[in-house]
């Protein structure tokens, strides 16, 4: 991958399939943050990355907070992930099946009962159990889309911060996706891998540029402003490299 250049015109562009095959390099325990407005492709990019990263040796647990999500359904089938409704699963012989025949990943998608308040409390407990168990287990990926909901609506900031600050040594990587760079933990900005989409909101543009992994903010801001829909700026904070990932 091309190294960061102080001239934003020199930032290398990669077709997404080429980036996934040649530019993406992930080690267990590294954290990933994807920031993009609604409808700009953050969930699809996250699943594309998961598809070439998760394995039986480093499986993913994907936390789904929406009652319906066509992207989740499509990618669950494509990557042969296993959907579970609780954590750890308790119905019938699900425990033996899930943990003996370990897949590359699980989609933790709690059922909706039609009672929003009761569902919120139950889902919070389920997600908290999964986050804490995966942190202790290690060698895994926890994908939280939407991180805002886990933090602001379910009050799980402390559990997420535990992985952000200590998960690398455990081999547990937190992959966080959010629509806005505001309202989520500042630890999300310290992730090893940052994927940033162009946001028309001026305040968001400034915040995105300021969290650009040690790269000159004006270069990040200028590069973001030239992105098309579904394109992302990728920043590797450890190596101080930057490129554009095309749609």
Protein backbone atom coordinates (compact mmCIF):
# COMPACT_ATOMS: atom_id res chain seq x y z
CA UNK A 1 0.00 0.00 0.00
CA UNK A 2 1.25 3.47 -0.84
CA UNK A 3 2.45 5.51 2.12
CA UNK A 4 0.81 8.71 3.18
CA UNK A 5 1.67 11.70 1.01
CA UNK A 6 1.41 15.33 2.06
CA UNK A 7 -0.07 16.04 -1.36
CA UNK A 8 -3.62 14.67 -1.31
CA UNK A 9 -3.51 14.25 -5.10
CA UNK A 10 -0.97 11.45 -4.60
CA UNK A 11 -3.27 9.34 -2.38
CA UNK A 12 -3.57 5.95 -4.08
CA UNK A 13 -6.99 4.64 -5.10
CA UNK A 14 -7.76 0.93 -4.92
CA UNK A 15 -10.75 -0.91 -6.40
CA UNK A 16 -12.39 -2.60 -3.44
CA UNK A 17 -11.59 -6.15 -4.53
CA UNK A 18 -7.92 -5.23 -5.00
CA UNK A 19 -7.77 -3.57 -1.59
CA UNK A 20 -9.35 -6.58 0.10
CA UNK A 21 -6.93 -8.96 -1.60
CA UNK A 22 -3.69 -6.95 -1.53
CA UNK A 23 -4.04 -3.95 0.78
CA UNK A 24 -5.93 -5.26 3.79
CA UNK A 25 -3.75 -6.73 6.53
CA UNK A 26 -5.32 -7.60 9.88
CA UNK A 27 -3.89 -9.13 13.05
CA UNK A 28 -6.07 -10.62 15.83
CA UNK A 29 -6.91 -8.07 18.51
CA UNK A 30 -6.71 -5.03 16.25
CA UNK A 31 -9.66 -2.63 16.33
CA UNK A 32 -11.53 -1.26 13.32
CA UNK A 33 -13.78 1.82 13.11
CA UNK A 34 -16.04 2.58 10.14
CA UNK A 35 -17.75 5.99 10.04
CA UNK A 36 -20.27 6.90 7.33
CA UNK A 37 -23.69 8.58 7.11
CA UNK A 38 -26.73 6.35 6.71
CA UNK A 39 -26.92 4.93 3.21
CA UNK A 40 -23.22 5.41 2.43
CA UNK A 41 -22.28 1.73 2.63
CA UNK A 42 -20.64 1.29 6.04
CA UNK A 43 -22.39 -2.02 6.76
CA UNK A 44 -21.54 -3.46 3.35
CA UNK A 45 -17.89 -2.38 3.66
CA UNK A 46 -17.73 -3.94 7.13
CA UNK A 47 -19.08 -7.24 5.81
CA UNK A 48 -16.67 -7.16 2.88
CA UNK A 49 -13.82 -6.78 5.37
CA UNK A 50 -15.20 -9.48 7.64
CA UNK A 51 -15.54 -11.83 4.68
CA UNK A 52 -11.77 -11.87 4.11
CA UNK A 53 -10.80 -11.66 7.79
CA UNK A 54 -12.91 -13.91 9.99
CA UNK A 55 -12.07 -17.58 10.21
CA UNK A 56 -12.64 -20.56 12.48
CA UNK A 57 -9.43 -19.58 14.24
CA UNK A 58 -10.55 -15.92 14.58
CA UNK A 59 -14.37 -15.98 14.40
CA UNK A 60 -16.66 -12.97 14.51
CA UNK A 61 -19.74 -12.27 16.60
CA UNK A 62 -21.92 -9.76 14.78
CA UNK A 63 -24.31 -7.80 16.99
CA UNK A 64 -27.52 -6.90 15.12
CA UNK A 65 -29.79 -4.29 16.69
CA UNK A 66 -32.33 -3.72 13.89
CA UNK A 67 -35.59 -5.71 13.64
CA UNK A 68 -34.95 -6.19 9.90
CA UNK A 69 -31.84 -5.68 7.79
CA UNK A 70 -31.57 -6.96 4.22
CA UNK A 71 -27.79 -6.45 4.14
CA UNK A 72 -27.33 -8.63 7.22
CA UNK A 73 -29.59 -11.33 5.81
CA UNK A 74 -27.75 -11.35 2.49
CA UNK A 75 -24.26 -11.49 3.96
CA UNK A 76 -25.24 -14.05 6.58
CA UNK A 77 -26.16 -16.42 3.77
CA UNK A 78 -23.19 -15.49 1.60
CA UNK A 79 -20.61 -16.19 4.31
CA UNK A 80 -22.48 -19.17 5.84
CA UNK A 81 -22.72 -17.50 9.25
CA UNK A 82 -24.86 -18.94 12.01
CA UNK A 83 -27.72 -16.85 13.38
CA UNK A 84 -28.36 -17.19 17.13
CA UNK A 85 -30.95 -15.39 19.27
CA UNK A 86 -29.25 -15.49 22.66
CA UNK A 87 -25.75 -15.74 24.09
CA UNK A 88 -24.70 -18.30 24.88
CA UNK A 89 -27.43 -20.22 22.99
CA UNK A 90 -29.62 -22.27 25.27
CA UNK A 91 -32.35 -23.87 23.17
CA UNK A 92 -32.15 -27.64 22.66
CA UNK A 93 -28.71 -28.83 21.57
CA UNK A 94 -27.75 -25.41 20.21
CA UNK A 95 -24.82 -25.05 22.63
CA UNK A 96 -23.18 -28.24 21.40
CA UNK A 97 -23.87 -27.41 17.76
CA UNK A 98 -22.67 -23.81 17.91
CA UNK A 99 -19.48 -24.43 19.82
CA UNK A 100 -18.54 -27.86 18.48
CA UNK A 101 -19.12 -27.10 14.81
CA UNK A 102 -17.60 -23.66 15.06
CA UNK A 103 -18.35 -21.43 12.05
CA UNK A 104 -16.39 -18.41 10.87
CA UNK A 105 -18.91 -16.24 12.62
CA UNK A 106 -22.19 -15.90 14.47
CA UNK A 107 -24.91 -13.33 13.88
CA UNK A 108 -26.35 -12.49 17.29
CA UNK A 109 -29.82 -11.24 16.39
CA UNK A 110 -32.21 -11.23 19.38
CA UNK A 111 -35.89 -11.73 18.62
CA UNK A 112 -38.41 -8.88 18.80
CA UNK A 113 -41.57 -9.43 20.84
CA UNK A 114 -43.47 -6.25 20.00
CA UNK A 115 -42.81 -4.75 23.44
CA UNK A 116 -40.03 -2.19 22.80
CA UNK A 117 -39.21 -1.50 26.44
CA UNK A 118 -39.00 -5.17 27.39
CA UNK A 119 -37.02 -5.94 24.23
CA UNK A 120 -34.54 -3.14 24.93
CA UNK A 121 -33.80 -4.49 28.42
CA UNK A 122 -33.53 -8.08 27.20
CA UNK A 123 -31.34 -7.20 24.22
CA UNK A 124 -29.03 -5.14 26.41
CA UNK A 125 -28.46 -8.14 28.68
CA UNK A 126 -27.86 -10.45 25.71
CA UNK A 127 -25.35 -8.15 24.04
CA UNK A 128 -23.55 -7.49 27.32
CA UNK A 129 -23.13 -11.24 27.94
CA UNK A 130 -21.75 -11.71 24.44
CA UNK A 131 -19.32 -8.78 24.66
CA UNK A 132 -17.97 -9.89 28.05
CA UNK A 133 -17.68 -13.56 27.06
CA UNK A 134 -15.88 -12.72 23.81
CA UNK A 135 -13.50 -10.39 25.64
CA UNK A 136 -12.52 -13.16 28.05
CA UNK A 137 -12.38 -15.80 25.31
CA UNK A 138 -10.02 -13.83 23.09
CA UNK A 139 -8.99 -14.62 19.53
CA UNK A 140 -12.19 -13.15 18.16
CA UNK A 141 -13.88 -10.18 16.51
CA UNK A 142 -16.89 -8.34 17.94
CA UNK A 143 -18.67 -6.32 15.26
CA UNK A 144 -20.96 -3.60 16.64
CA UNK A 145 -23.17 -1.90 14.07
CA UNK A 146 -24.53 0.57 15.33
CA UNK A 147 -22.09 1.47 18.15
CA UNK A 148 -24.18 4.51 19.10
CA UNK A 149 -27.06 2.25 20.14
CA UNK A 150 -24.86 0.10 22.36
CA UNK A 151 -23.40 3.14 24.07
CA UNK A 152 -26.20 5.68 24.30
CA UNK A 153 -29.30 3.50 24.32
CA UNK A 154 -28.07 0.40 26.15
CA UNK A 155 -25.39 1.93 28.39
CA UNK A 156 -22.65 -0.53 27.39
CA UNK A 157 -19.86 2.03 26.99
CA UNK A 158 -17.85 0.53 29.86
CA UNK A 159 -17.93 -2.92 28.25
CA UNK A 160 -16.88 -1.55 24.87
CA UNK A 161 -14.12 0.57 26.42
CA UNK A 162 -12.76 -2.54 28.12
CA UNK A 163 -12.18 -4.14 24.73
CA UNK A 164 -10.84 -0.94 23.16
CA UNK A 165 -8.29 -0.50 25.95
CA UNK A 166 -7.42 -4.11 26.82
CA UNK A 167 -8.72 -6.30 24.02
CA UNK A 168 -5.60 -6.30 21.87
CA UNK A 169 -3.63 -8.27 24.44
CA UNK A 170 -6.53 -10.75 24.58
CA UNK A 171 -6.71 -11.05 20.81
CA UNK A 172 -10.22 -9.56 20.83
CA UNK A 173 -10.80 -6.90 18.20
CA UNK A 174 -13.74 -4.49 18.39
CA UNK A 175 -15.09 -3.45 15.01
CA UNK A 176 -17.29 -0.40 15.50
CA UNK A 177 -19.51 1.25 12.89
CA UNK A 178 -21.44 4.48 13.36
CA UNK A 179 -23.28 7.03 11.25
CA UNK A 180 -21.63 10.02 12.88
CA UNK A 181 -18.24 10.69 14.50
CA UNK A 182 -20.01 12.35 17.41
CA UNK A 183 -21.73 10.71 20.39
CA UNK A 184 -19.50 7.62 20.48
CA UNK A 185 -16.51 6.87 22.68
CA UNK A 186 -13.29 8.66 21.83
CA UNK A 187 -11.57 5.26 22.02
CA UNK A 188 -13.19 4.44 18.68
CA UNK A 189 -10.93 7.05 17.10
CA UNK A 190 -7.84 5.24 18.38
CA UNK A 191 -8.56 2.08 16.40
CA UNK A 192 -5.73 0.56 14.40
CA UNK A 193 -7.81 0.77 11.20
CA UNK A 194 -10.05 3.72 10.30
CA UNK A 195 -12.48 3.84 7.36
CA UNK A 196 -14.02 7.28 6.83
CA UNK A 197 -16.68 8.31 4.31
CA UNK A 198 -17.42 11.85 3.21
CA UNK A 199 -20.02 13.49 5.45
CA UNK A 200 -21.70 16.67 4.17
CA UNK A 201 -22.01 17.98 7.72
CA UNK A 202 -19.28 20.60 8.25
CA UNK A 203 -18.74 19.77 11.92
CA UNK A 204 -18.45 16.08 11.11
CA UNK A 205 -15.91 16.82 8.38
CA UNK A 206 -13.72 18.67 10.86
CA UNK A 207 -13.99 15.92 13.45
CA UNK A 208 -13.15 13.24 10.89
CA UNK A 209 -10.09 15.19 9.77
CA UNK A 210 -8.94 15.67 13.36
CA UNK A 211 -9.04 11.93 14.11
CA UNK A 212 -7.03 11.06 11.02
CA UNK A 213 -4.44 8.85 12.66
CA UNK A 214 -1.59 11.35 12.85
CA UNK A 215 -1.99 12.43 9.25
CA UNK A 216 -2.23 16.15 8.47
CA UNK A 217 -5.90 17.09 9.08
CA UNK A 218 -6.13 19.28 5.99
CA UNK A 219 -4.95 16.40 3.80
CA UNK A 220 -7.56 14.08 5.32
CA UNK A 221 -10.29 16.70 4.93
CA UNK A 222 -9.38 17.43 1.32
CA UNK A 223 -9.27 13.73 0.46
CA UNK A 224 -12.63 13.11 2.13
CA UNK A 225 -14.22 15.96 0.19
CA UNK A 226 -13.36 14.24 -3.11
CA UNK A 227 -14.92 10.90 -2.24
CA UNK A 228 -17.90 9.57 -4.15
CA UNK A 229 -20.75 7.79 -2.41
CA UNK A 230 -19.70 4.33 -1.11
CA UNK A 231 -16.00 5.27 -1.24
CA UNK A 232 -13.87 5.41 1.92
CA UNK A 233 -10.58 6.83 3.07
CA UNK A 234 -8.64 4.06 4.80
CA UNK A 235 -6.06 5.03 7.43
CA UNK A 236 -3.72 2.60 9.15
CA UNK A 237 -2.81 4.41 12.35
CA UNK A 238 0.17 2.20 13.23
CA UNK A 239 1.85 2.61 9.85
CA UNK A 240 0.54 6.11 9.05
CA UNK A 241 -0.63 5.03 5.62
CA UNK A 242 -3.68 6.27 3.79
CA UNK A 243 -5.51 5.28 0.60
CA UNK A 244 -8.94 5.49 -0.98
CA UNK A 245 -11.07 2.33 -1.16
CA UNK A 246 -13.43 2.55 -4.10
CA UNK A 247 -17.02 1.33 -4.14
